[in-house]
Amino acid sequence: HIDEQLVRRPNDVFYAMEEFAKEKNIPILSPASSAVLSKLIHWTKPKRIFEFGTGLGYSTLWMLYSNPDSKIVTIDRNESQSKRMYT
C-alpha cells in the first residue's frame, strides 16, 4: 500500500523502471526506501556520492532528483547490466 498509494515519484520514468526491474528480475530499492534515500540526500546535499552496485540505476535517479548538484559516481560488477543503462 505504501509503495502504490503514498510514494510520489518525481517522474513517470520511475514507474517504467519499476516495471522493467520486475519483468527482468533486477533487484531495486522499494519506492518507499528510495523516497527516504532521496530525502536524506536532499537534506545533507553531498557534493559527491559513490554508489557501489548500481544495478538498473533506479536509486541513482532518486538521488539525482533530490540533489542535482551532487556528482554521482557509480560502479557495478555486472558489465552487461551497466552497458544496458548507458546505451
Protein backbone atom coordinates (compact mmCIF):
# COMPACT_ATOMS: atom_id res chain seq x y z
CA HIS A 1 0.00 0.00 0.00
CA ILE A 2 2.77 2.46 0.87
CA ASP A 3 4.64 1.98 -2.41
CA GLU A 4 1.49 2.04 -4.51
CA GLN A 5 -0.50 4.81 -2.84
CA LEU A 6 1.76 7.03 -0.74
CA VAL A 7 5.10 7.41 -2.53
CA ARG A 8 5.00 10.08 -5.19
CA ARG A 9 7.51 9.51 -7.97
CA PRO A 10 9.23 12.64 -9.35
CA ASN A 11 8.72 11.44 -12.92
CA ASP A 12 6.88 8.71 -14.83
CA VAL A 13 10.18 7.08 -15.78
CA PHE A 14 10.32 5.68 -12.23
CA TYR A 15 7.20 3.61 -12.89
CA ALA A 16 8.73 2.32 -16.12
CA MET A 17 11.94 1.38 -14.31
CA GLU A 18 9.99 -0.41 -11.58
CA GLU A 19 8.07 -2.42 -14.16
CA PHE A 20 11.23 -3.25 -16.14
CA ALA A 21 13.01 -4.37 -12.96
CA LYS A 22 10.09 -6.60 -12.05
CA GLU A 23 9.93 -8.14 -15.55
CA LYS A 24 13.69 -8.77 -15.72
CA ASN A 25 14.04 -9.77 -12.06
CA ILE A 26 16.51 -6.96 -11.34
CA PRO A 27 16.64 -6.04 -7.65
CA ILE A 28 15.95 -2.37 -6.88
CA LEU A 29 15.06 -0.43 -3.76
CA SER A 30 11.39 -0.17 -2.94
CA PRO A 31 9.81 3.19 -3.76
CA ALA A 32 9.43 3.89 -0.02
CA SER A 33 13.12 3.17 0.66
CA SER A 34 14.05 5.26 -2.35
CA ALA A 35 11.98 8.18 -1.08
CA VAL A 36 13.80 8.00 2.28
CA LEU A 37 17.17 7.90 0.49
CA SER A 38 16.09 10.86 -1.61
CA LYS A 39 15.17 12.90 1.47
CA LEU A 40 18.49 12.10 3.15
CA ILE A 41 20.38 13.27 0.06
CA HIS A 42 18.20 16.38 -0.17
CA TRP A 43 18.83 17.29 3.49
CA THR A 44 22.59 16.62 3.52
CA LYS A 45 23.33 17.91 -0.01
CA PRO A 46 26.57 15.97 -0.50
CA LYS A 47 28.96 17.25 -3.16
CA ARG A 48 29.94 13.72 -4.16
CA ILE A 49 28.16 10.36 -3.96
CA PHE A 50 29.75 6.98 -4.63
CA GLU A 51 27.29 4.22 -5.40
CA PHE A 52 28.56 0.66 -5.35
CA GLY A 53 26.22 -1.74 -7.12
CA THR A 54 24.30 0.45 -9.49
CA GLY A 55 22.04 -2.22 -10.93
CA LEU A 56 19.39 -0.54 -13.03
CA GLY A 57 20.20 2.97 -11.78
CA TYR A 58 16.87 3.39 -10.02
CA SER A 59 18.31 4.63 -6.72
CA THR A 60 20.82 6.73 -8.67
CA LEU A 61 17.96 8.53 -10.34
CA TRP A 62 16.25 9.16 -6.99
CA MET A 63 19.48 10.69 -5.66
CA LEU A 64 19.90 12.81 -8.78
CA TYR A 65 16.38 14.21 -8.47
CA SER A 66 16.90 15.04 -4.80
CA ASN A 67 20.15 16.95 -5.36
CA PRO A 68 21.12 17.59 -9.00
CA ASP A 69 24.30 19.36 -7.88
CA SER A 70 25.84 16.18 -6.46
CA LYS A 71 28.44 14.43 -8.57
CA ILE A 72 27.42 10.76 -8.61
CA VAL A 73 29.97 8.06 -9.42
CA THR A 74 28.58 4.56 -9.80
CA ILE A 75 30.08 1.16 -10.45
CA ASP A 76 28.56 -2.25 -10.95
CA ARG A 77 30.23 -5.63 -11.32
CA ASN A 78 27.70 -6.71 -13.94
CA GLU A 79 29.17 -5.31 -17.15
CA SER A 80 26.22 -6.26 -19.35
CA GLN A 81 23.84 -4.52 -16.93
CA SER A 82 25.99 -1.38 -16.98
CA LYS A 83 26.04 -1.37 -20.78
CA ARG A 84 22.25 -1.64 -20.83
CA MET A 85 21.97 1.50 -18.70
CA TYR A 86 24.07 3.68 -20.99
CA THR A 87 23.01 2.56 -24.44
